[in-house]
């Protein structure tokens, strides 16, 4: 971001942290979304920001009914009442 600031360019967003959870093929994610919750919270901690400062999330988003439901539950757990206002989109193929 420093380079953009030096060039006096408007900064629209800053990538602060990334976290991943391991996945094993053909193994369903835990229905409570605990793994995804831990990953999102760890990314927030690593970035040094509170989840209330996050306004965009890129989940796995494989468009599989079970996985999407788990990720939705995890987002609601981490962001609470704000979950509906956090932008979410996936770059998965």
PDB file of N, CA and C in Angstrom:
ATOM      1  N   UNK A   1       0.815  -1.181   0.000  1.00  0.00           N
ATOM      2  CA  UNK A   1       0.000   0.000   0.000  1.00  0.00           C
ATOM      3  C   UNK A   1       0.866   1.254   0.000  1.00  0.00           C
ATOM      4  N   UNK A   2       2.046   1.162   0.555  1.00  0.00           N
ATOM      5  CA  UNK A   2       2.924   2.317   0.618  1.00  0.00           C
ATOM      6  C   UNK A   2       3.197   2.924  -0.750  1.00  0.00           C
ATOM      7  N   UNK A   3       3.374   2.068  -1.759  1.00  0.00           N
ATOM      8  CA  UNK A   3       3.644   2.550  -3.109  1.00  0.00           C
ATOM      9  C   UNK A   3       2.462   3.379  -3.626  1.00  0.00           C
ATOM     10  N   UNK A   4       1.244   2.913  -3.392  1.00  0.00           N
ATOM     11  CA  UNK A   4       0.060   3.650  -3.836  1.00  0.00           C
ATOM     12  C   UNK A   4      -0.032   4.994  -3.124  1.00  0.00           C
ATOM     13  N   UNK A   5       0.258   5.019  -1.855  1.00  0.00           N
ATOM     14  CA  UNK A   5       0.195   6.266  -1.086  1.00  0.00           C
ATOM     15  C   UNK A   5       1.240   7.251  -1.605  1.00  0.00           C
ATOM     16  N   UNK A   6       2.447   6.761  -1.874  1.00  0.00           N
ATOM     17  CA  UNK A   6       3.498   7.640  -2.408  1.00  0.00           C
ATOM     18  C   UNK A   6       3.109   8.228  -3.763  1.00  0.00           C
ATOM     19  N   UNK A   7       2.350   7.479  -4.546  1.00  0.00           N
ATOM     20  CA  UNK A   7       1.908   7.973  -5.855  1.00  0.00           C
ATOM     21  C   UNK A   7       0.630   8.796  -5.743  1.00  0.00           C
ATOM     22  N   UNK A   8       0.131   8.974  -4.500  1.00  0.00           N
ATOM     23  CA  UNK A   8      -1.105   9.709  -4.236  1.00  0.00           C
ATOM     24  C   UNK A   8      -2.309   9.088  -4.954  1.00  0.00           C
ATOM     25  N   UNK A   9      -2.301   7.771  -5.013  1.00  0.00           N
ATOM     26  CA  UNK A   9      -3.397   7.017  -5.614  1.00  0.00           C
ATOM     27  C   UNK A   9      -4.418   6.683  -4.543  1.00  0.00           C
ATOM     28  N   UNK A  10      -5.684   6.765  -4.887  1.00  0.00           N
ATOM     29  CA  UNK A  10      -6.728   6.423  -3.939  1.00  0.00           C
ATOM     30  C   UNK A  10      -6.684   4.911  -3.654  1.00  0.00           C
ATOM     31  N   UNK A  11      -6.648   4.557  -2.391  1.00  0.00           N
ATOM     32  CA  UNK A  11      -6.622   3.152  -1.981  1.00  0.00           C
ATOM     33  C   UNK A  11      -8.054   2.721  -1.681  1.00  0.00           C
ATOM     34  N   UNK A  12      -8.529   1.715  -2.396  1.00  0.00           N
ATOM     35  CA  UNK A  12      -9.893   1.229  -2.215  1.00  0.00           C
ATOM     36  C   UNK A  12      -9.961   0.065  -1.232  1.00  0.00           C
ATOM     37  N   UNK A  13      -8.892  -0.716  -1.130  1.00  0.00           N
ATOM     38  CA  UNK A  13      -8.886  -1.878  -0.239  1.00  0.00           C
ATOM     39  C   UNK A  13      -7.454  -2.296   0.030  1.00  0.00           C
ATOM     40  N   UNK A  14      -7.290  -3.029   1.109  1.00  0.00           N
ATOM     41  CA  UNK A  14      -5.969  -3.544   1.443  1.00  0.00           C
ATOM     42  C   UNK A  14      -6.113  -4.984   1.904  1.00  0.00           C
ATOM     43  N   UNK A  15      -5.324  -5.871   1.318  1.00  0.00           N
ATOM     44  CA  UNK A  15      -5.314  -7.280   1.697  1.00  0.00           C
ATOM     45  C   UNK A  15      -4.422  -7.405   2.917  1.00  0.00           C
ATOM     46  N   UNK A  16      -4.982  -7.829   4.057  1.00  0.00           N
ATOM     47  CA  UNK A  16      -4.232  -7.849   5.298  1.00  0.00           C
ATOM     48  C   UNK A  16      -3.817  -9.236   5.760  1.00  0.00           C
ATOM     49  N   UNK A  17      -4.600 -10.254   5.445  1.00  0.00           N
ATOM     50  CA  UNK A  17      -4.269 -11.597   5.926  1.00  0.00           C
ATOM     51  C   UNK A  17      -4.996 -12.648   5.116  1.00  0.00           C
ATOM     52  N   UNK A  18      -4.430 -13.827   5.113  1.00  0.00           N
ATOM     53  CA  UNK A  18      -5.027 -14.978   4.462  1.00  0.00           C
ATOM     54  C   UNK A  18      -4.882 -16.159   5.402  1.00  0.00           C
ATOM     55  N   UNK A  19      -5.876 -16.998   5.445  1.00  0.00           N
ATOM     56  CA  UNK A  19      -5.785 -18.227   6.236  1.00  0.00           C
ATOM     57  C   UNK A  19      -6.486 -19.328   5.461  1.00  0.00           C
ATOM     58  N   UNK A  20      -5.985 -20.523   5.599  1.00  0.00           N
ATOM     59  CA  UNK A  20      -6.541 -21.668   4.894  1.00  0.00           C
ATOM     60  C   UNK A  20      -6.822 -22.788   5.870  1.00  0.00           C
ATOM     61  N   UNK A  21      -7.813 -23.583   5.535  1.00  0.00           N
ATOM     62  CA  UNK A  21      -8.038 -24.803   6.294  1.00  0.00           C
ATOM     63  C   UNK A  21      -7.863 -25.953   5.331  1.00  0.00           C
ATOM     64  N   UNK A  22      -7.267 -27.015   5.809  1.00  0.00           N
ATOM     65  CA  UNK A  22      -7.028 -28.173   4.956  1.00  0.00           C
ATOM     66  C   UNK A  22      -8.323 -28.881   4.617  1.00  0.00           C
ATOM     67  N   UNK A  23      -8.364 -29.444   3.438  1.00  0.00           N
ATOM     68  CA  UNK A  23      -9.538 -30.202   3.021  1.00  0.00           C
ATOM     69  C   UNK A  23      -9.076 -31.543   2.476  1.00  0.00           C
ATOM     70  N   UNK A  24      -9.818 -32.555   2.800  1.00  0.00           N
ATOM     71  CA  UNK A  24      -9.527 -33.889   2.302  1.00  0.00           C
ATOM     72  C   UNK A  24     -10.615 -34.234   1.288  1.00  0.00           C
ATOM     73  N   UNK A  25     -10.242 -34.651   0.074  1.00  0.00           N
ATOM     74  CA  UNK A  25     -11.263 -34.979  -0.920  1.00  0.00           C
ATOM     75  C   UNK A  25     -12.275 -35.993  -0.396  1.00  0.00           C
ATOM     76  N   UNK A  26     -13.526 -35.801  -0.767  1.00  0.00           N
ATOM     77  CA  UNK A  26     -14.631 -36.694  -0.422  1.00  0.00           C
ATOM     78  C   UNK A  26     -14.944 -36.764   1.061  1.00  0.00           C
ATOM     79  N   UNK A  27     -14.442 -35.812   1.837  1.00  0.00           N
ATOM     80  CA  UNK A  27     -14.777 -35.770   3.262  1.00  0.00           C
ATOM     81  C   UNK A  27     -15.594 -34.510   3.497  1.00  0.00           C
ATOM     82  N   UNK A  28     -16.778 -34.668   4.016  1.00  0.00           N
ATOM     83  CA  UNK A  28     -17.661 -33.529   4.231  1.00  0.00           C
ATOM     84  C   UNK A  28     -17.141 -32.649   5.354  1.00  0.00           C
ATOM     85  N   UNK A  29     -17.301 -31.332   5.234  1.00  0.00           N
ATOM     86  CA  UNK A  29     -16.891 -30.432   6.309  1.00  0.00           C
ATOM     87  C   UNK A  29     -17.782 -30.618   7.526  1.00  0.00           C
ATOM     88  N   UNK A  30     -17.273 -30.289   8.691  1.00  0.00           N
ATOM     89  CA  UNK A  30     -18.094 -30.357   9.891  1.00  0.00           C
ATOM     90  C   UNK A  30     -19.295 -29.448   9.743  1.00  0.00           C
ATOM     91  N   UNK A  31     -20.466 -29.930  10.065  1.00  0.00           N
ATOM     92  CA  UNK A  31     -21.689 -29.158   9.833  1.00  0.00           C
ATOM     93  C   UNK A  31     -21.772 -27.879  10.646  1.00  0.00           C
ATOM     94  N   UNK A  32     -21.029 -27.800  11.746  1.00  0.00           N
ATOM     95  CA  UNK A  32     -21.086 -26.594  12.573  1.00  0.00           C
ATOM     96  C   UNK A  32     -20.224 -25.467  12.021  1.00  0.00           C
ATOM     97  N   UNK A  33     -19.371 -25.767  11.048  1.00  0.00           N
ATOM     98  CA  UNK A  33     -18.512 -24.747  10.455  1.00  0.00           C
ATOM     99  C   UNK A  33     -17.345 -24.344  11.330  1.00  0.00           C
ATOM    100  N   UNK A  34     -17.040 -25.143  12.361  1.00  0.00           N
ATOM    101  CA  UNK A  34     -15.994 -24.794  13.316  1.00  0.00           C
ATOM    102  C   UNK A  34     -14.637 -24.539  12.653  1.00  0.00           C
ATOM    103  N   UNK A  35     -14.270 -25.359  11.681  1.00  0.00           N
ATOM    104  CA  UNK A  35     -12.985 -25.161  11.002  1.00  0.00           C
ATOM    105  C   UNK A  35     -12.919 -23.821  10.293  1.00  0.00           C
ATOM    106  N   UNK A  36     -13.975 -23.477   9.583  1.00  0.00           N
ATOM    107  CA  UNK A  36     -14.027 -22.194   8.876  1.00  0.00           C
ATOM    108  C   UNK A  36     -14.042 -21.029   9.854  1.00  0.00           C
ATOM    109  N   UNK A  37     -14.741 -21.189  10.971  1.00  0.00           N
ATOM    110  CA  UNK A  37     -14.770 -20.144  12.001  1.00  0.00           C
ATOM    111  C   UNK A  37     -13.371 -19.902  12.527  1.00  0.00           C
ATOM    112  N   UNK A  38     -12.654 -20.972  12.857  1.00  0.00           N
ATOM    113  CA  UNK A  38     -11.288 -20.824  13.379  1.00  0.00           C
ATOM    114  C   UNK A  38     -10.373 -20.155  12.367  1.00  0.00           C
ATOM    115  N   UNK A  39     -10.511 -20.514  11.093  1.00  0.00           N
ATOM    116  CA  UNK A  39      -9.669 -19.923  10.048  1.00  0.00           C
ATOM    117  C   UNK A  39      -9.949 -18.430   9.901  1.00  0.00           C
ATOM    118  N   UNK A  40     -11.214 -18.049   9.872  1.00  0.00           N
ATOM    119  CA  UNK A  40     -11.542 -16.628   9.727  1.00  0.00           C
ATOM    120  C   UNK A  40     -11.059 -15.818  10.929  1.00  0.00           C
ATOM    121  N   UNK A  41     -11.226 -16.375  12.095  1.00  0.00           N
ATOM    122  CA  UNK A  41     -10.759 -15.667  13.299  1.00  0.00           C
ATOM    123  C   UNK A  41      -9.238 -15.566  13.331  1.00  0.00           C
ATOM    124  N   UNK A  42      -8.552 -16.613  12.887  1.00  0.00           N
ATOM    125  CA  UNK A  42      -7.087 -16.566  12.844  1.00  0.00           C
ATOM    126  C   UNK A  42      -6.605 -15.525  11.833  1.00  0.00           C
ATOM    127  N   UNK A  43      -7.251 -15.449  10.690  1.00  0.00           N
ATOM    128  CA  UNK A  43      -6.872 -14.444   9.687  1.00  0.00           C
ATOM    129  C   UNK A  43      -7.054 -13.041  10.257  1.00  0.00           C
ATOM    130  N   UNK A  44      -8.142 -12.828  10.972  1.00  0.00           N
ATOM    131  CA  UNK A  44      -8.402 -11.537  11.593  1.00  0.00           C
ATOM    132  C   UNK A  44      -7.316 -11.200  12.614  1.00  0.00           C
ATOM    133  N   UNK A  45      -6.955 -12.179  13.431  1.00  0.00           N
ATOM    134  CA  UNK A  45      -5.902 -11.961  14.435  1.00  0.00           C
ATOM    135  C   UNK A  45      -4.566 -11.693  13.765  1.00  0.00           C
ATOM    136  N   UNK A  46      -4.219 -12.485  12.741  1.00  0.00           N
ATOM    137  CA  UNK A  46      -2.941 -12.299  12.038  1.00  0.00           C
ATOM    138  C   UNK A  46      -2.848 -10.917  11.406  1.00  0.00           C
ATOM    139  N   UNK A  47      -3.980 -10.406  10.936  1.00  0.00           N
ATOM    140  CA  UNK A  47      -4.002  -9.076  10.315  1.00  0.00           C
ATOM    141  C   UNK A  47      -4.011  -7.969  11.357  1.00  0.00           C
ATOM    142  N   UNK A  48      -4.292  -8.352  12.612  1.00  0.00           N
ATOM    143  CA  UNK A  48      -4.345  -7.352  13.674  1.00  0.00           C
ATOM    144  C   UNK A  48      -5.577  -6.472  13.592  1.00  0.00           C
ATOM    145  N   UNK A  49      -6.668  -7.029  13.060  1.00  0.00           N
ATOM    146  CA  UNK A  49      -7.896  -6.255  12.949  1.00  0.00           C
ATOM    147  C   UNK A  49      -9.061  -7.034  13.562  1.00  0.00           C
ATOM    148  N   UNK A  50     -10.043  -6.303  14.017  1.00  0.00           N
ATOM    149  CA  UNK A  50     -11.244  -6.888  14.578  1.00  0.00           C
ATOM    150  C   UNK A  50     -12.167  -7.307  13.436  1.00  0.00           C
ATOM    151  N   UNK A  51     -12.901  -8.403  13.581  1.00  0.00           N
ATOM    152  CA  UNK A  51     -13.830  -8.804  12.517  1.00  0.00           C
ATOM    153  C   UNK A  51     -14.820  -7.710  12.112  1.00  0.00           C
ATOM    154  N   UNK A  52     -15.091  -6.768  12.985  1.00  0.00           N
ATOM    155  CA  UNK A  52     -16.015  -5.682  12.626  1.00  0.00           C
ATOM    156  C   UNK A  52     -15.429  -4.770  11.546  1.00  0.00           C
ATOM    157  N   UNK A  53     -14.118  -4.843  11.322  1.00  0.00           N
ATOM    158  CA  UNK A  53     -13.473  -4.024  10.295  1.00  0.00           C
ATOM    159  C   UNK A  53     -13.438  -4.725   8.936  1.00  0.00           C
ATOM    160  N   UNK A  54     -13.867  -5.974   8.886  1.00  0.00           N
ATOM    161  CA  UNK A  54     -13.837  -6.749   7.644  1.00  0.00           C
ATOM    162  C   UNK A  54     -15.144  -6.524   6.891  1.00  0.00           C
ATOM    163  N   UNK A  55     -15.004  -6.185   5.602  1.00  0.00           N
ATOM    164  CA  UNK A  55     -16.209  -5.962   4.813  1.00  0.00           C
ATOM    165  C   UNK A  55     -16.257  -6.791   3.541  1.00  0.00           C
ATOM    166  N   UNK A  56     -15.277  -7.700   3.363  1.00  0.00           N
ATOM    167  CA  UNK A  56     -15.269  -8.565   2.181  1.00  0.00           C
ATOM    168  C   UNK A  56     -14.608  -9.888   2.540  1.00  0.00           C
ATOM    169  N   UNK A  57     -15.215 -10.994   2.136  1.00  0.00           N
ATOM    170  CA  UNK A  57     -14.689 -12.329   2.402  1.00  0.00           C
ATOM    171  C   UNK A  57     -14.762 -13.144   1.116  1.00  0.00           C
ATOM    172  N   UNK A  58     -13.708 -13.897   0.836  1.00  0.00           N
ATOM    173  CA  UNK A  58     -13.694 -14.819  -0.295  1.00  0.00           C
ATOM    174  C   UNK A  58     -13.648 -16.238   0.260  1.00  0.00           C
ATOM    175  N   UNK A  59     -14.799 -16.911   0.366  1.00  0.00           N
ATOM    176  CA  UNK A  59     -14.813 -18.277   0.885  1.00  0.00           C
ATOM    177  C   UNK A  59     -14.450 -19.278  -0.209  1.00  0.00           C
ATOM    178  N   UNK A  60     -14.402 -20.544   0.151  1.00  0.00           N
ATOM    179  CA  UNK A  60     -14.125 -21.592  -0.833  1.00  0.00           C
ATOM    180  C   UNK A  60     -15.160 -21.549  -1.935  1.00  0.00           C
ATOM    181  N   UNK A  61     -16.421 -21.491  -1.570  1.00  0.00           N
ATOM    182  CA  UNK A  61     -17.500 -21.285  -2.529  1.00  0.00           C
ATOM    183  C   UNK A  61     -17.563 -22.264  -3.673  1.00  0.00           C
ATOM    184  N   UNK A  62     -17.574 -23.552  -3.387  1.00  0.00           N
ATOM    185  CA  UNK A  62     -17.605 -24.554  -4.450  1.00  0.00           C
ATOM    186  C   UNK A  62     -18.993 -24.779  -5.016  1.00  0.00           C
ATOM    187  N   UNK A  63     -19.981 -24.072  -4.502  1.00  0.00           N
ATOM    188  CA  UNK A  63     -21.376 -24.178  -4.939  1.00  0.00           C
ATOM    189  C   UNK A  63     -21.962 -25.563  -4.682  1.00  0.00           C
ATOM    190  N   UNK A  64     -21.433 -26.249  -3.698  1.00  0.00           N
ATOM    191  CA  UNK A  64     -22.016 -27.513  -3.268  1.00  0.00           C
ATOM    192  C   UNK A  64     -22.911 -27.205  -2.077  1.00  0.00           C
ATOM    193  N   UNK A  65     -24.124 -27.676  -2.118  1.00  0.00           N
ATOM    194  CA  UNK A  65     -25.129 -27.322  -1.113  1.00  0.00           C
ATOM    195  C   UNK A  65     -24.601 -27.468   0.322  1.00  0.00           C
ATOM    196  N   UNK A  66     -23.980 -28.602   0.631  1.00  0.00           N
ATOM    197  CA  UNK A  66     -23.529 -28.830   2.002  1.00  0.00           C
ATOM    198  C   UNK A  66     -22.408 -27.864   2.396  1.00  0.00           C
ATOM    199  N   UNK A  67     -21.423 -27.693   1.530  1.00  0.00           N
ATOM    200  CA  UNK A  67     -20.304 -26.805   1.843  1.00  0.00           C
ATOM    201  C   UNK A  67     -20.727 -25.357   1.958  1.00  0.00           C
ATOM    202  N   UNK A  68     -21.596 -24.910   1.059  1.00  0.00           N
ATOM    203  CA  UNK A  68     -22.072 -23.530   1.110  1.00  0.00           C
ATOM    204  C   UNK A  68     -22.854 -23.267   2.397  1.00  0.00           C
ATOM    205  N   UNK A  69     -23.641 -24.248   2.829  1.00  0.00           N
ATOM    206  CA  UNK A  69     -24.403 -24.093   4.072  1.00  0.00           C
ATOM    207  C   UNK A  69     -23.462 -23.971   5.272  1.00  0.00           C
ATOM    208  N   UNK A  70     -22.412 -24.774   5.281  1.00  0.00           N
ATOM    209  CA  UNK A  70     -21.439 -24.730   6.378  1.00  0.00           C
ATOM    210  C   UNK A  70     -20.731 -23.376   6.388  1.00  0.00           C
ATOM    211  N   UNK A  71     -20.301 -22.909   5.213  1.00  0.00           N
ATOM    212  CA  UNK A  71     -19.616 -21.617   5.144  1.00  0.00           C
ATOM    213  C   UNK A  71     -20.548 -20.478   5.555  1.00  0.00           C
ATOM    214  N   UNK A  72     -21.801 -20.570   5.198  1.00  0.00           N
ATOM    215  CA  UNK A  72     -22.769 -19.545   5.599  1.00  0.00           C
ATOM    216  C   UNK A  72     -22.918 -19.514   7.115  1.00  0.00           C
ATOM    217  N   UNK A  73     -23.019 -20.693   7.734  1.00  0.00           N
ATOM    218  CA  UNK A  73     -23.110 -20.754   9.201  1.00  0.00           C
ATOM    219  C   UNK A  73     -21.859 -20.154   9.838  1.00  0.00           C
ATOM    220  N   UNK A  74     -20.697 -20.451   9.274  1.00  0.00           N
ATOM    221  CA  UNK A  74     -19.449 -19.921   9.818  1.00  0.00           C
ATOM    222  C   UNK A  74     -19.405 -18.395   9.705  1.00  0.00           C
ATOM    223  N   UNK A  75     -19.819 -17.863   8.565  1.00  0.00           N
ATOM    224  CA  UNK A  75     -19.850 -16.404   8.395  1.00  0.00           C
ATOM    225  C   UNK A  75     -20.780 -15.759   9.414  1.00  0.00           C
ATOM    226  N   UNK A  76     -21.927 -16.376   9.646  1.00  0.00           N
ATOM    227  CA  UNK A  76     -22.874 -15.838  10.622  1.00  0.00           C
ATOM    228  C   UNK A  76     -22.312 -15.918  12.038  1.00  0.00           C
ATOM    229  N   UNK A  77     -21.532 -16.945  12.322  1.00  0.00           N
ATOM    230  CA  UNK A  77     -20.910 -17.075  13.645  1.00  0.00           C
ATOM    231  C   UNK A  77     -19.866 -15.991  13.856  1.00  0.00           C
ATOM    232  N   UNK A  78     -19.018 -15.784  12.864  1.00  0.00           N
ATOM    233  CA  UNK A  78     -17.925 -14.811  12.999  1.00  0.00           C
ATOM    234  C   UNK A  78     -18.434 -13.374  12.968  1.00  0.00           C
ATOM    235  N   UNK A  79     -19.365 -13.075  12.069  1.00  0.00           N
ATOM    236  CA  UNK A  79     -19.792 -11.701  11.866  1.00  0.00           C
ATOM    237  C   UNK A  79     -21.116 -11.350  12.536  1.00  0.00           C
ATOM    238  N   UNK A  80     -21.798 -12.332  13.085  1.00  0.00           N
ATOM    239  CA  UNK A  80     -23.042 -12.070  13.805  1.00  0.00           C
ATOM    240  C   UNK A  80     -24.046 -11.302  12.968  1.00  0.00           C
ATOM    241  N   UNK A  81     -24.629 -10.268  13.555  1.00  0.00           N
ATOM    242  CA  UNK A  81     -25.656  -9.472  12.876  1.00  0.00           C
ATOM    243  C   UNK A  81     -25.138  -8.773  11.623  1.00  0.00           C
ATOM    244  N   UNK A  82     -23.827  -8.584  11.531  1.00  0.00           N
ATOM    245  CA  UNK A  82     -23.236  -7.920  10.364  1.00  0.00           C
ATOM    246  C   UNK A  82     -23.104  -8.844   9.157  1.00  0.00           C
ATOM    247  N   UNK A  83     -23.289 -10.142   9.337  1.00  0.00           N
ATOM    248  CA  UNK A  83     -23.028 -11.117   8.272  1.00  0.00           C
ATOM    249  C   UNK A  83     -23.719 -10.761   6.960  1.00  0.00           C
ATOM    250  N   UNK A  84     -24.931 -10.273   7.014  1.00  0.00           N
ATOM    251  CA  UNK A  84     -25.667  -9.933   5.787  1.00  0.00           C
ATOM    252  C   UNK A  84     -25.099  -8.701   5.083  1.00  0.00           C
ATOM    253  N   UNK A  85     -24.289  -7.922   5.783  1.00  0.00           N
ATOM    254  CA  UNK A  85     -23.718  -6.711   5.175  1.00  0.00           C
ATOM    255  C   UNK A  85     -22.276  -6.909   4.705  1.00  0.00           C
ATOM    256  N   UNK A  86     -21.681  -8.057   5.016  1.00  0.00           N
ATOM    257  CA  UNK A  86     -20.318  -8.347   4.560  1.00  0.00           C
ATOM    258  C   UNK A  86     -20.415  -8.901   3.134  1.00  0.00           C
ATOM    259  N   UNK A  87     -19.677  -8.283   2.212  1.00  0.00           N
ATOM    260  CA  UNK A  87     -19.682  -8.760   0.826  1.00  0.00           C
ATOM    261  C   UNK A  87     -18.963 -10.099   0.765  1.00  0.00           C
ATOM    262  N   UNK A  88     -19.558 -11.057   0.054  1.00  0.00           N
ATOM    263  CA  UNK A  88     -18.992 -12.396  -0.066  1.00  0.00           C
ATOM    264  C   UNK A  88     -19.052 -12.807  -1.517  1.00  0.00           C
ATOM    265  N   UNK A  89     -17.919 -13.221  -2.068  1.00  0.00           N
ATOM    266  CA  UNK A  89     -17.901 -13.794  -3.416  1.00  0.00           C
ATOM    267  C   UNK A  89     -16.733 -14.764  -3.499  1.00  0.00           C
ATOM    268  N   UNK A  90     -16.849 -15.726  -4.389  1.00  0.00           N
ATOM    269  CA  UNK A  90     -15.839 -16.760  -4.488  1.00  0.00           C
ATOM    270  C   UNK A  90     -15.113 -16.688  -5.821  1.00  0.00           C
ATOM    271  N   UNK A  91     -13.847 -17.036  -5.788  1.00  0.00           N
ATOM    272  CA  UNK A  91     -13.078 -17.090  -7.014  1.00  0.00           C
ATOM    273  C   UNK A  91     -12.797 -18.541  -7.408  1.00  0.00           C
ATOM    274  N   UNK A  92     -13.473 -19.490  -6.737  1.00  0.00           N
ATOM    275  CA  UNK A  92     -13.287 -20.912  -7.047  1.00  0.00           C
ATOM    276  C   UNK A  92     -13.797 -21.213  -8.445  1.00  0.00           C
ATOM    277  N   UNK A  93     -13.209 -22.201  -9.013  1.00  0.00           N
ATOM    278  CA  UNK A  93     -13.638 -22.575 -10.360  1.00  0.00           C
ATOM    279  C   UNK A  93     -14.745 -23.568 -10.316  1.00  0.00           C
TER     280      UNK A  93
END
